[in-house]
Amino acid sequence: DALSLLALDAQSQVDALAPADVPEEILARFRIAATRC
């Protein structure tokens, strides 16, 4: 899921996560999932 979100184009990433801080949210999700694996 984190990689799929990361792979989206810029506008789709913003649409999926706004109003959150999109860069921070994407990186946090990836870091957590990657570290667990």
PDB file of all heavy atoms in Angstrom:
ATOM      1  N   ASP A   1       0.828  -1.209   0.000  1.00  0.00           N
ATOM      2  CA  ASP A   1       0.000   0.000   0.000  1.00  0.00           C
ATOM      3  C   ASP A   1       0.864   1.262   0.000  1.00  0.00           C
ATOM      4  O   ASP A   1       0.582   2.224  -0.725  1.00  0.00           O
ATOM      5  CB  ASP A   1      -0.929   0.022   1.216  1.00  0.00           C
ATOM      6  CG  ASP A   1      -2.033  -1.013   1.134  1.00  0.00           C
ATOM      7  OD1 ASP A   1      -2.254  -1.598   0.051  1.00  0.00           O
ATOM      8  OD2 ASP A   1      -2.683  -1.259   2.184  1.00  0.00           O
ATOM      9  N   ALA A   2       1.927   1.253   0.815  1.00  0.00           N
ATOM     10  CA  ALA A   2       2.813   2.415   0.888  1.00  0.00           C
ATOM     11  C   ALA A   2       3.527   2.634  -0.441  1.00  0.00           C
ATOM     12  O   ALA A   2       3.650   3.775  -0.915  1.00  0.00           O
ATOM     13  CB  ALA A   2       3.824   2.231   2.022  1.00  0.00           C
ATOM     14  N   LEU A   3       3.993   1.553  -1.051  1.00  0.00           N
ATOM     15  CA  LEU A   3       4.657   1.674  -2.353  1.00  0.00           C
ATOM     16  C   LEU A   3       3.678   2.124  -3.432  1.00  0.00           C
ATOM     17  O   LEU A   3       4.025   2.929  -4.302  1.00  0.00           O
ATOM     18  CB  LEU A   3       5.301   0.346  -2.744  1.00  0.00           C
ATOM     19  CG  LEU A   3       6.565  -0.036  -1.985  1.00  0.00           C
ATOM     20  CD1 LEU A   3       6.951  -1.478  -2.281  1.00  0.00           C
ATOM     21  CD2 LEU A   3       7.707   0.912  -2.311  1.00  0.00           C
ATOM     22  N   SER A   4       2.453   1.622  -3.384  1.00  0.00           N
ATOM     23  CA  SER A   4       1.440   2.026  -4.365  1.00  0.00           C
ATOM     24  C   SER A   4       1.136   3.511  -4.253  1.00  0.00           C
ATOM     25  O   SER A   4       1.004   4.207  -5.267  1.00  0.00           O
ATOM     26  CB  SER A   4       0.158   1.214  -4.176  1.00  0.00           C
ATOM     27  OG  SER A   4       0.400  -0.143  -4.453  1.00  0.00           O
ATOM     28  N   LEU A   5       1.047   4.000  -3.042  1.00  0.00           N
ATOM     29  CA  LEU A   5       0.813   5.429  -2.817  1.00  0.00           C
ATOM     30  C   LEU A   5       2.016   6.236  -3.298  1.00  0.00           C
ATOM     31  O   LEU A   5       1.866   7.268  -3.946  1.00  0.00           O
ATOM     32  CB  LEU A   5       0.546   5.683  -1.334  1.00  0.00           C
ATOM     33  CG  LEU A   5       0.201   7.101  -0.923  1.00  0.00           C
ATOM     34  CD1 LEU A   5      -1.053   7.592  -1.643  1.00  0.00           C
ATOM     35  CD2 LEU A   5       0.004   7.168   0.584  1.00  0.00           C
ATOM     36  N   LEU A   6       3.182   5.739  -3.014  1.00  0.00           N
ATOM     37  CA  LEU A   6       4.410   6.409  -3.432  1.00  0.00           C
ATOM     38  C   LEU A   6       4.544   6.439  -4.947  1.00  0.00           C
ATOM     39  O   LEU A   6       5.084   7.386  -5.515  1.00  0.00           O
ATOM     40  CB  LEU A   6       5.604   5.683  -2.811  1.00  0.00           C
ATOM     41  CG  LEU A   6       6.979   6.261  -2.998  1.00  0.00           C
ATOM     42  CD1 LEU A   6       7.025   7.712  -2.560  1.00  0.00           C
ATOM     43  CD2 LEU A   6       7.973   5.452  -2.200  1.00  0.00           C
ATOM     44  N   ALA A   7       4.033   5.436  -5.625  1.00  0.00           N
ATOM     45  CA  ALA A   7       4.159   5.330  -7.083  1.00  0.00           C
ATOM     46  C   ALA A   7       3.187   6.227  -7.852  1.00  0.00           C
ATOM     47  O   ALA A   7       3.351   6.430  -9.052  1.00  0.00           O
ATOM     48  CB  ALA A   7       3.965   3.875  -7.506  1.00  0.00           C
ATOM     49  N   LEU A   8       2.194   6.767  -7.174  1.00  0.00           N
ATOM     50  CA  LEU A   8       1.208   7.630  -7.839  1.00  0.00           C
ATOM     51  C   LEU A   8       1.842   8.923  -8.332  1.00  0.00           C
ATOM     52  O   LEU A   8       2.859   9.371  -7.809  1.00  0.00           O
ATOM     53  CB  LEU A   8       0.077   7.992  -6.871  1.00  0.00           C
ATOM     54  CG  LEU A   8      -0.849   6.885  -6.412  1.00  0.00           C
ATOM     55  CD1 LEU A   8      -1.786   7.412  -5.332  1.00  0.00           C
ATOM     56  CD2 LEU A   8      -1.627   6.307  -7.582  1.00  0.00           C
ATOM     57  N   ASP A   9       1.200   9.564  -9.301  1.00  0.00           N
ATOM     58  CA  ASP A   9       1.651  10.880  -9.749  1.00  0.00           C
ATOM     59  C   ASP A   9       1.377  11.912  -8.653  1.00  0.00           C
ATOM     60  O   ASP A   9       0.615  11.654  -7.712  1.00  0.00           O
ATOM     61  CB  ASP A   9       0.946  11.274 -11.055  1.00  0.00           C
ATOM     62  CG  ASP A   9      -0.547  11.436 -10.859  1.00  0.00           C
ATOM     63  OD1 ASP A   9      -1.000  12.542 -10.509  1.00  0.00           O
ATOM     64  OD2 ASP A   9      -1.270  10.422 -11.031  1.00  0.00           O
ATOM     65  N   ALA A  10       1.994  13.055  -8.768  1.00  0.00           N
ATOM     66  CA  ALA A  10       1.936  14.090  -7.731  1.00  0.00           C
ATOM     67  C   ALA A  10       0.505  14.489  -7.377  1.00  0.00           C
ATOM     68  O   ALA A  10       0.137  14.552  -6.204  1.00  0.00           O
ATOM     69  CB  ALA A  10       2.730  15.316  -8.164  1.00  0.00           C
ATOM     70  N   GLN A  11      -0.303  14.773  -8.379  1.00  0.00           N
ATOM     71  CA  GLN A  11      -1.674  15.212  -8.105  1.00  0.00           C
ATOM     72  C   GLN A  11      -2.474  14.127  -7.395  1.00  0.00           C
ATOM     73  O   GLN A  11      -3.233  14.414  -6.462  1.00  0.00           O
ATOM     74  CB  GLN A  11      -2.384  15.622  -9.405  1.00  0.00           C
ATOM     75  CG  GLN A  11      -3.757  16.209  -9.182  1.00  0.00           C
ATOM     76  CD  GLN A  11      -3.717  17.516  -8.391  1.00  0.00           C
ATOM     77  OE1 GLN A  11      -3.057  18.472  -8.791  1.00  0.00           O
ATOM     78  NE2 GLN A  11      -4.415  17.571  -7.261  1.00  0.00           N
ATOM     79  N   SER A  12      -2.310  12.893  -7.802  1.00  0.00           N
ATOM     80  CA  SER A  12      -3.031  11.791  -7.160  1.00  0.00           C
ATOM     81  C   SER A  12      -2.588  11.606  -5.715  1.00  0.00           C
ATOM     82  O   SER A  12      -3.405  11.289  -4.846  1.00  0.00           O
ATOM     83  CB  SER A  12      -2.812  10.488  -7.943  1.00  0.00           C
ATOM     84  OG  SER A  12      -3.356  10.598  -9.233  1.00  0.00           O
ATOM     85  N   GLN A  13      -1.309  11.810  -5.446  1.00  0.00           N
ATOM     86  CA  GLN A  13      -0.826  11.717  -4.071  1.00  0.00           C
ATOM     87  C   GLN A  13      -1.473  12.791  -3.205  1.00  0.00           C
ATOM     88  O   GLN A  13      -1.933  12.514  -2.095  1.00  0.00           O
ATOM     89  CB  GLN A  13       0.701  11.860  -4.033  1.00  0.00           C
ATOM     90  CG  GLN A  13       1.419  10.668  -4.590  1.00  0.00           C
ATOM     91  CD  GLN A  13       2.901  10.893  -4.746  1.00  0.00           C
ATOM     92  OE1 GLN A  13       3.355  12.002  -5.041  1.00  0.00           O
ATOM     93  NE2 GLN A  13       3.675   9.827  -4.555  1.00  0.00           N
ATOM     94  N   VAL A  14      -1.514  13.989  -3.722  1.00  0.00           N
ATOM     95  CA  VAL A  14      -2.130  15.092  -2.972  1.00  0.00           C
ATOM     96  C   VAL A  14      -3.616  14.827  -2.776  1.00  0.00           C
ATOM     97  O   VAL A  14      -4.145  15.005  -1.675  1.00  0.00           O
ATOM     98  CB  VAL A  14      -1.880  16.444  -3.680  1.00  0.00           C
ATOM     99  CG1 VAL A  14      -2.676  17.558  -3.037  1.00  0.00           C
ATOM    100  CG2 VAL A  14      -0.387  16.772  -3.664  1.00  0.00           C
ATOM    101  N   ASP A  15      -4.295  14.381  -3.823  1.00  0.00           N
ATOM    102  CA  ASP A  15      -5.726  14.091  -3.716  1.00  0.00           C
ATOM    103  C   ASP A  15      -5.990  12.998  -2.676  1.00  0.00           C
ATOM    104  O   ASP A  15      -6.978  13.063  -1.947  1.00  0.00           O
ATOM    105  CB  ASP A  15      -6.293  13.644  -5.072  1.00  0.00           C
ATOM    106  CG  ASP A  15      -6.324  14.772  -6.090  1.00  0.00           C
ATOM    107  OD1 ASP A  15      -6.180  15.953  -5.719  1.00  0.00           O
ATOM    108  OD2 ASP A  15      -6.468  14.447  -7.299  1.00  0.00           O
ATOM    109  N   ALA A  16      -5.114  12.016  -2.604  1.00  0.00           N
ATOM    110  CA  ALA A  16      -5.315  10.893  -1.690  1.00  0.00           C
ATOM    111  C   ALA A  16      -5.077  11.272  -0.234  1.00  0.00           C
ATOM    112  O   ALA A  16      -5.717  10.705   0.658  1.00  0.00           O
ATOM    113  CB  ALA A  16      -4.387   9.741  -2.077  1.00  0.00           C
ATOM    114  N   LEU A  17      -4.203  12.229   0.025  1.00  0.00           N
ATOM    115  CA  LEU A  17      -3.792  12.490   1.409  1.00  0.00           C
ATOM    116  C   LEU A  17      -4.111  13.875   1.950  1.00  0.00           C
ATOM    117  O   LEU A  17      -3.969  14.099   3.152  1.00  0.00           O
ATOM    118  CB  LEU A  17      -2.285  12.235   1.559  1.00  0.00           C
ATOM    119  CG  LEU A  17      -1.863  10.791   1.363  1.00  0.00           C
ATOM    120  CD1 LEU A  17      -0.355  10.679   1.340  1.00  0.00           C
ATOM    121  CD2 LEU A  17      -2.448   9.907   2.440  1.00  0.00           C
ATOM    122  N   ALA A  18      -4.478  14.818   1.091  1.00  0.00           N
ATOM    123  CA  ALA A  18      -4.783  16.161   1.584  1.00  0.00           C
ATOM    124  C   ALA A  18      -5.953  16.095   2.555  1.00  0.00           C
ATOM    125  O   ALA A  18      -6.822  15.231   2.398  1.00  0.00           O
ATOM    126  CB  ALA A  18      -5.097  17.085   0.413  1.00  0.00           C
ATOM    127  N   PRO A  19      -5.987  16.862   3.567  1.00  0.00           N
ATOM    128  CA  PRO A  19      -5.147  18.022   3.853  1.00  0.00           C
ATOM    129  C   PRO A  19      -3.882  17.704   4.654  1.00  0.00           C
ATOM    130  O   PRO A  19      -3.209  18.613   5.140  1.00  0.00           O
ATOM    131  CB  PRO A  19      -6.069  18.918   4.668  1.00  0.00           C
ATOM    132  CG  PRO A  19      -6.877  17.950   5.467  1.00  0.00           C
ATOM    133  CD  PRO A  19      -7.085  16.767   4.542  1.00  0.00           C
ATOM    134  N   ALA A  20      -3.532  16.451   4.799  1.00  0.00           N
ATOM    135  CA  ALA A  20      -2.315  16.099   5.549  1.00  0.00           C
ATOM    136  C   ALA A  20      -1.086  16.683   4.854  1.00  0.00           C
ATOM    137  O   ALA A  20      -1.137  17.090   3.696  1.00  0.00           O
ATOM    138  CB  ALA A  20      -2.183  14.582   5.637  1.00  0.00           C
ATOM    139  N   ASP A  21       0.006  16.704   5.566  1.00  0.00           N
ATOM    140  CA  ASP A  21       1.287  17.080   4.989  1.00  0.00           C
ATOM    141  C   ASP A  21       1.718  15.897   4.129  1.00  0.00           C
ATOM    142  O   ASP A  21       2.245  14.906   4.628  1.00  0.00           O
ATOM    143  CB  ASP A  21       2.291  17.361   6.106  1.00  0.00           C
ATOM    144  CG  ASP A  21       3.609  17.877   5.583  1.00  0.00           C
ATOM    145  OD1 ASP A  21       3.872  17.764   4.370  1.00  0.00           O
ATOM    146  OD2 ASP A  21       4.398  18.387   6.397  1.00  0.00           O
ATOM    147  N   VAL A  22       1.454  15.975   2.830  1.00  0.00           N
ATOM    148  CA  VAL A  22       1.583  14.831   1.931  1.00  0.00           C
ATOM    149  C   VAL A  22       2.990  14.230   1.922  1.00  0.00           C
ATOM    150  O   VAL A  22       3.128  13.020   2.093  1.00  0.00           O
ATOM    151  CB  VAL A  22       1.097  15.191   0.508  1.00  0.00           C
ATOM    152  CG1 VAL A  22       1.335  14.053  -0.462  1.00  0.00           C
ATOM    153  CG2 VAL A  22      -0.382  15.561   0.549  1.00  0.00           C
ATOM    154  N   PRO A  23       4.046  15.031   1.761  1.00  0.00           N
ATOM    155  CA  PRO A  23       5.377  14.403   1.750  1.00  0.00           C
ATOM    156  C   PRO A  23       5.680  13.659   3.056  1.00  0.00           C
ATOM    157  O   PRO A  23       6.172  12.531   3.032  1.00  0.00           O
ATOM    158  CB  PRO A  23       6.335  15.585   1.568  1.00  0.00           C
ATOM    159  CG  PRO A  23       5.512  16.672   0.982  1.00  0.00           C
ATOM    160  CD  PRO A  23       4.127  16.459   1.502  1.00  0.00           C
ATOM    161  N   GLU A  24       5.353  14.272   4.167  1.00  0.00           N
ATOM    162  CA  GLU A  24       5.603  13.635   5.466  1.00  0.00           C
ATOM    163  C   GLU A  24       4.785  12.357   5.623  1.00  0.00           C
ATOM    164  O   GLU A  24       5.282  11.339   6.105  1.00  0.00           O
ATOM    165  CB  GLU A  24       5.280  14.594   6.614  1.00  0.00           C
ATOM    166  CG  GLU A  24       6.286  15.691   6.794  1.00  0.00           C
ATOM    167  CD  GLU A  24       7.628  15.207   7.326  1.00  0.00           C
ATOM    168  OE1 GLU A  24       7.687  14.155   7.980  1.00  0.00           O
ATOM    169  OE2 GLU A  24       8.622  15.895   7.067  1.00  0.00           O
ATOM    170  N   GLU A  25       3.537  12.405   5.236  1.00  0.00           N
ATOM    171  CA  GLU A  25       2.654  11.242   5.384  1.00  0.00           C
ATOM    172  C   GLU A  25       3.110  10.080   4.511  1.00  0.00           C
ATOM    173  O   GLU A  25       3.145   8.927   4.956  1.00  0.00           O
ATOM    174  CB  GLU A  25       1.219  11.637   5.042  1.00  0.00           C
ATOM    175  CG  GLU A  25       0.211  10.544   5.268  1.00  0.00           C
ATOM    176  CD  GLU A  25       0.021  10.140   6.712  1.00  0.00           C
ATOM    177  OE1 GLU A  25       0.301  10.949   7.618  1.00  0.00           O
ATOM    178  OE2 GLU A  25      -0.405   8.995   6.948  1.00  0.00           O
ATOM    179  N   ILE A  26       3.462  10.357   3.276  1.00  0.00           N
ATOM    180  CA  ILE A  26       3.926   9.302   2.373  1.00  0.00           C
ATOM    181  C   ILE A  26       5.197   8.661   2.918  1.00  0.00           C
ATOM    182  O   ILE A  26       5.325   7.439   2.950  1.00  0.00           O
ATOM    183  CB  ILE A  26       4.147   9.851   0.949  1.00  0.00           C
ATOM    184  CG1 ILE A  26       2.792  10.075   0.282  1.00  0.00           C
ATOM    185  CG2 ILE A  26       5.012   8.923   0.112  1.00  0.00           C
ATOM    186  CD1 ILE A  26       2.870  10.697  -1.085  1.00  0.00           C
ATOM    187  N   LEU A  27       6.133   9.497   3.340  1.00  0.00           N
ATOM    188  CA  LEU A  27       7.395   8.965   3.853  1.00  0.00           C
ATOM    189  C   LEU A  27       7.192   8.192   5.152  1.00  0.00           C
ATOM    190  O   LEU A  27       7.803   7.142   5.351  1.00  0.00           O
ATOM    191  CB  LEU A  27       8.408  10.092   4.049  1.00  0.00           C
ATOM    192  CG  LEU A  27       8.910  10.730   2.754  1.00  0.00           C
ATOM    193  CD1 LEU A  27       9.815  11.917   3.063  1.00  0.00           C
ATOM    194  CD2 LEU A  27       9.632   9.717   1.882  1.00  0.00           C
ATOM    195  N   ALA A  28       6.322   8.681   6.016  1.00  0.00           N
ATOM    196  CA  ALA A  28       6.067   7.980   7.280  1.00  0.00           C
ATOM    197  C   ALA A  28       5.455   6.608   7.021  1.00  0.00           C
ATOM    198  O   ALA A  28       5.880   5.609   7.620  1.00  0.00           O
ATOM    199  CB  ALA A  28       5.152   8.815   8.172  1.00  0.00           C
ATOM    200  N   ARG A  29       4.484   6.542   6.141  1.00  0.00           N
ATOM    201  CA  ARG A  29       3.856   5.251   5.830  1.00  0.00           C
ATOM    202  C   ARG A  29       4.873   4.271   5.253  1.00  0.00           C
ATOM    203  O   ARG A  29       4.888   3.097   5.605  1.00  0.00           O
ATOM    204  CB  ARG A  29       2.694   5.440   4.858  1.00  0.00           C
ATOM    205  CG  ARG A  29       1.494   6.101   5.486  1.00  0.00           C
ATOM    206  CD  ARG A  29       0.381   6.270   4.488  1.00  0.00           C
ATOM    207  NE  ARG A  29      -0.721   7.034   5.055  1.00  0.00           N
ATOM    208  CZ  ARG A  29      -1.947   7.013   4.576  1.00  0.00           C
ATOM    209  NH1 ARG A  29      -2.257   6.274   3.528  1.00  0.00           N
ATOM    210  NH2 ARG A  29      -2.892   7.734   5.133  1.00  0.00           N
ATOM    211  N   PHE A  30       5.714   4.770   4.357  1.00  0.00           N
ATOM    212  CA  PHE A  30       6.724   3.903   3.758  1.00  0.00           C
ATOM    213  C   PHE A  30       7.745   3.450   4.800  1.00  0.00           C
ATOM    214  O   PHE A  30       8.083   2.272   4.873  1.00  0.00           O
ATOM    215  CB  PHE A  30       7.423   4.595   2.586  1.00  0.00           C
ATOM    216  CG  PHE A  30       8.558   3.787   2.039  1.00  0.00           C
ATOM    217  CD1 PHE A  30       8.313   2.583   1.394  1.00  0.00           C
ATOM    218  CD2 PHE A  30       9.870   4.200   2.201  1.00  0.00           C
ATOM    219  CE1 PHE A  30       9.364   1.809   0.911  1.00  0.00           C
ATOM    220  CE2 PHE A  30      10.921   3.436   1.724  1.00  0.00           C
ATOM    221  CZ  PHE A  30      10.664   2.240   1.083  1.00  0.00           C
ATOM    222  N   ARG A  31       8.234   4.385   5.611  1.00  0.00           N
ATOM    223  CA  ARG A  31       9.225   4.025   6.635  1.00  0.00           C
ATOM    224  C   ARG A  31       8.704   2.954   7.582  1.00  0.00           C
ATOM    225  O   ARG A  31       9.393   1.977   7.879  1.00  0.00           O
ATOM    226  CB  ARG A  31       9.611   5.252   7.459  1.00  0.00           C
ATOM    227  CG  ARG A  31      10.672   6.086   6.865  1.00  0.00           C
ATOM    228  CD  ARG A  31      11.148   7.125   7.885  1.00  0.00           C
ATOM    229  NE  ARG A  31      11.530   8.313   7.197  1.00  0.00           N
ATOM    230  CZ  ARG A  31      10.859   9.462   7.215  1.00  0.00           C
ATOM    231  NH1 ARG A  31       9.780   9.603   7.935  1.00  0.00           N
ATOM    232  NH2 ARG A  31      11.293  10.493   6.537  1.00  0.00           N
ATOM    233  N   ILE A  32       7.495   3.137   8.060  1.00  0.00           N
ATOM    234  CA  ILE A  32       6.910   2.188   9.013  1.00  0.00           C
ATOM    235  C   ILE A  32       6.755   0.808   8.370  1.00  0.00           C
ATOM    236  O   ILE A  32       7.149  -0.202   8.940  1.00  0.00           O
ATOM    237  CB  ILE A  32       5.570   2.714   9.548  1.00  0.00           C
ATOM    238  CG1 ILE A  32       5.805   3.931  10.451  1.00  0.00           C
ATOM    239  CG2 ILE A  32       4.804   1.626  10.299  1.00  0.00           C
ATOM    240  CD1 ILE A  32       4.545   4.728  10.764  1.00  0.00           C
ATOM    241  N   ALA A  33       6.173   0.776   7.185  1.00  0.00           N
ATOM    242  CA  ALA A  33       5.938  -0.510   6.515  1.00  0.00           C
ATOM    243  C   ALA A  33       7.253  -1.195   6.144  1.00  0.00           C
ATOM    244  O   ALA A  33       7.410  -2.407   6.345  1.00  0.00           O
ATOM    245  CB  ALA A  33       5.079  -0.295   5.266  1.00  0.00           C
ATOM    246  N   ALA A  34       8.197  -0.440   5.620  1.00  0.00           N
ATOM    247  CA  ALA A  34       9.484  -1.016   5.225  1.00  0.00           C
ATOM    248  C   ALA A  34      10.227  -1.558   6.439  1.00  0.00           C
ATOM    249  O   ALA A  34      10.775  -2.666   6.398  1.00  0.00           O
ATOM    250  CB  ALA A  34      10.332   0.037   4.508  1.00  0.00           C
ATOM    251  N   THR A  35      10.225  -0.807   7.516  1.00  0.00           N
ATOM    252  CA  THR A  35      10.915  -1.237   8.732  1.00  0.00           C
ATOM    253  C   THR A  35      10.300  -2.514   9.282  1.00  0.00           C
ATOM    254  O   THR A  35      11.020  -3.438   9.673  1.00  0.00           O
ATOM    255  CB  THR A  35      10.890  -0.110   9.785  1.00  0.00           C
ATOM    256  OG1 THR A  35      11.540   1.046   9.230  1.00  0.00           O
ATOM    257  CG2 THR A  35      11.590  -0.524  11.057  1.00  0.00           C
ATOM    258  N   ARG A  36       8.977  -2.600   9.290  1.00  0.00           N
ATOM    259  CA  ARG A  36       8.311  -3.827   9.757  1.00  0.00           C
ATOM    260  C   ARG A  36       8.719  -5.029   8.923  1.00  0.00           C
ATOM    261  O   ARG A  36       8.999  -6.113   9.449  1.00  0.00           O
ATOM    262  CB  ARG A  36       6.785  -3.677   9.694  1.00  0.00           C
ATOM    263  CG  ARG A  36       6.189  -2.960  10.864  1.00  0.00           C
ATOM    264  CD  ARG A  36       4.673  -2.862  10.766  1.00  0.00           C
ATOM    265  NE  ARG A  36       4.027  -4.161  10.743  1.00  0.00           N
ATOM    266  CZ  ARG A  36       2.827  -4.387  10.204  1.00  0.00           C
ATOM    267  NH1 ARG A  36       2.155  -3.413   9.643  1.00  0.00           N
ATOM    268  NH2 ARG A  36       2.299  -5.591  10.230  1.00  0.00           N
ATOM    269  N   CYS A  37       8.755  -4.862   7.604  1.00  0.00           N
ATOM    270  CA  CYS A  37       9.110  -5.981   6.722  1.00  0.00           C
ATOM    271  C   CYS A  37      10.570  -6.378   6.873  1.00  0.00           C
ATOM    272  O   CYS A  37      10.895  -7.568   6.876  1.00  0.00           O
ATOM    273  CB  CYS A  37       8.797  -5.624   5.274  1.00  0.00           C
ATOM    274  SG  CYS A  37       7.031  -5.630   4.919  1.00  0.00           S
TER     275      CYS A  37
END
